[in-house]
């Protein structure tokens, strides 16, 4: 089994619109990034209404990254606004 070298960075897609996210993914690929860490400051995106947790946004981003050969490390979110 070949060892894999990971080249990645933190990514905060919750701060950007769809167009910027698409551009970011293309730039990540150009830079050779193959892993992105995200979610650690995104509790406000996941629970916009108390008691109603919705992670569909991040599921979509994980799929988009995967389709472009980029793996994901999902972090434990905090309640920061």
C-alpha atoms as a PDB file:
ATOM      1  CA  UNK A   1       0.000   0.000   0.000  1.00  0.00           C
ATOM      2  CA  UNK A   2       1.428   3.362  -1.026  1.00  0.00           C
ATOM      3  CA  UNK A   3       1.636   6.092   1.588  1.00  0.00           C
ATOM      4  CA  UNK A   4      -0.248   9.287   0.862  1.00  0.00           C
ATOM      5  CA  UNK A   5       1.086  12.758   1.527  1.00  0.00           C
ATOM      6  CA  UNK A   6      -1.663  15.089   2.684  1.00  0.00           C
ATOM      7  CA  UNK A   7      -1.510  18.725   1.668  1.00  0.00           C
ATOM      8  CA  UNK A   8      -4.367  20.731   3.085  1.00  0.00           C
ATOM      9  CA  UNK A   9      -5.719  23.708   4.926  1.00  0.00           C
ATOM     10  CA  UNK A  10      -8.583  24.979   7.038  1.00  0.00           C
ATOM     11  CA  UNK A  11     -11.623  25.947   4.980  1.00  0.00           C
ATOM     12  CA  UNK A  12     -14.646  27.998   6.030  1.00  0.00           C
ATOM     13  CA  UNK A  13     -17.236  27.615   3.236  1.00  0.00           C
ATOM     14  CA  UNK A  14     -20.019  28.948   5.462  1.00  0.00           C
ATOM     15  CA  UNK A  15     -18.540  32.420   4.916  1.00  0.00           C
ATOM     16  CA  UNK A  16     -18.887  32.383   1.128  1.00  0.00           C
ATOM     17  CA  UNK A  17     -21.495  32.155  -1.594  1.00  0.00           C
ATOM     18  CA  UNK A  18     -21.774  29.318  -4.122  1.00  0.00           C
ATOM     19  CA  UNK A  19     -19.678  31.070  -6.792  1.00  0.00           C
ATOM     20  CA  UNK A  20     -16.777  31.682  -4.425  1.00  0.00           C
ATOM     21  CA  UNK A  21     -16.939  28.089  -3.146  1.00  0.00           C
ATOM     22  CA  UNK A  22     -16.692  26.753  -6.709  1.00  0.00           C
ATOM     23  CA  UNK A  23     -13.698  29.035  -7.370  1.00  0.00           C
ATOM     24  CA  UNK A  24     -12.105  27.966  -4.077  1.00  0.00           C
ATOM     25  CA  UNK A  25     -12.360  24.298  -5.016  1.00  0.00           C
ATOM     26  CA  UNK A  26     -10.705  24.953  -8.370  1.00  0.00           C
ATOM     27  CA  UNK A  27      -7.911  26.899  -6.679  1.00  0.00           C
ATOM     28  CA  UNK A  28      -7.446  24.122  -4.105  1.00  0.00           C
ATOM     29  CA  UNK A  29      -7.025  21.608  -6.919  1.00  0.00           C
ATOM     30  CA  UNK A  30      -4.511  23.886  -8.673  1.00  0.00           C
ATOM     31  CA  UNK A  31      -2.536  24.181  -5.437  1.00  0.00           C
ATOM     32  CA  UNK A  32      -2.493  20.409  -4.980  1.00  0.00           C
ATOM     33  CA  UNK A  33      -4.625  20.467  -1.841  1.00  0.00           C
ATOM     34  CA  UNK A  34      -6.095  17.022  -1.187  1.00  0.00           C
ATOM     35  CA  UNK A  35      -7.656  17.536   2.252  1.00  0.00           C
ATOM     36  CA  UNK A  36      -9.670  20.351   3.845  1.00  0.00           C
ATOM     37  CA  UNK A  37     -10.527  20.831   7.514  1.00  0.00           C
ATOM     38  CA  UNK A  38     -13.823  22.580   8.229  1.00  0.00           C
ATOM     39  CA  UNK A  39     -16.721  23.054  10.598  1.00  0.00           C
ATOM     40  CA  UNK A  40     -14.961  24.101  13.801  1.00  0.00           C
ATOM     41  CA  UNK A  41     -16.497  27.588  13.892  1.00  0.00           C
ATOM     42  CA  UNK A  42     -19.762  26.785  12.144  1.00  0.00           C
ATOM     43  CA  UNK A  43     -22.267  25.931  14.835  1.00  0.00           C
ATOM     44  CA  UNK A  44     -24.276  29.030  13.859  1.00  0.00           C
ATOM     45  CA  UNK A  45     -24.642  27.529  10.363  1.00  0.00           C
ATOM     46  CA  UNK A  46     -25.676  24.110  11.666  1.00  0.00           C
ATOM     47  CA  UNK A  47     -28.173  25.317  14.296  1.00  0.00           C
ATOM     48  CA  UNK A  48     -29.653  28.579  13.063  1.00  0.00           C
ATOM     49  CA  UNK A  49     -32.715  27.981  15.201  1.00  0.00           C
ATOM     50  CA  UNK A  50     -32.341  26.478  18.671  1.00  0.00           C
ATOM     51  CA  UNK A  51     -33.000  22.748  18.628  1.00  0.00           C
ATOM     52  CA  UNK A  52     -33.096  22.541  14.823  1.00  0.00           C
ATOM     53  CA  UNK A  53     -29.791  21.100  13.606  1.00  0.00           C
ATOM     54  CA  UNK A  54     -29.296  21.070   9.847  1.00  0.00           C
ATOM     55  CA  UNK A  55     -25.999  19.879   8.354  1.00  0.00           C
ATOM     56  CA  UNK A  56     -27.131  19.694   4.712  1.00  0.00           C
ATOM     57  CA  UNK A  57     -24.881  22.607   3.739  1.00  0.00           C
ATOM     58  CA  UNK A  58     -21.790  20.727   4.928  1.00  0.00           C
ATOM     59  CA  UNK A  59     -22.921  17.435   3.400  1.00  0.00           C
ATOM     60  CA  UNK A  60     -23.135  19.256   0.060  1.00  0.00           C
ATOM     61  CA  UNK A  61     -19.651  20.772   0.504  1.00  0.00           C
ATOM     62  CA  UNK A  62     -18.171  17.377   1.453  1.00  0.00           C
ATOM     63  CA  UNK A  63     -19.640  15.896  -1.741  1.00  0.00           C
ATOM     64  CA  UNK A  64     -18.275  18.749  -3.879  1.00  0.00           C
ATOM     65  CA  UNK A  65     -14.813  18.388  -2.375  1.00  0.00           C
ATOM     66  CA  UNK A  66     -14.877  14.610  -2.816  1.00  0.00           C
ATOM     67  CA  UNK A  67     -15.901  14.958  -6.465  1.00  0.00           C
ATOM     68  CA  UNK A  68     -12.744  17.046  -6.898  1.00  0.00           C
ATOM     69  CA  UNK A  69     -10.402  14.610  -5.163  1.00  0.00           C
ATOM     70  CA  UNK A  70     -10.298  16.513  -1.869  1.00  0.00           C
ATOM     71  CA  UNK A  71     -10.875  14.640   1.375  1.00  0.00           C
ATOM     72  CA  UNK A  72     -12.518  16.269   4.394  1.00  0.00           C
ATOM     73  CA  UNK A  73     -11.802  16.437   8.094  1.00  0.00           C
ATOM     74  CA  UNK A  74     -14.949  17.580   9.886  1.00  0.00           C
ATOM     75  CA  UNK A  75     -14.144  19.312  13.154  1.00  0.00           C
ATOM     76  CA  UNK A  76     -16.247  19.577  16.286  1.00  0.00           C
ATOM     77  CA  UNK A  77     -18.225  22.797  15.870  1.00  0.00           C
ATOM     78  CA  UNK A  78     -18.336  25.490  18.526  1.00  0.00           C
ATOM     79  CA  UNK A  79     -21.138  27.952  19.176  1.00  0.00           C
ATOM     80  CA  UNK A  80     -19.239  30.977  17.890  1.00  0.00           C
ATOM     81  CA  UNK A  81     -21.364  33.415  15.887  1.00  0.00           C
END
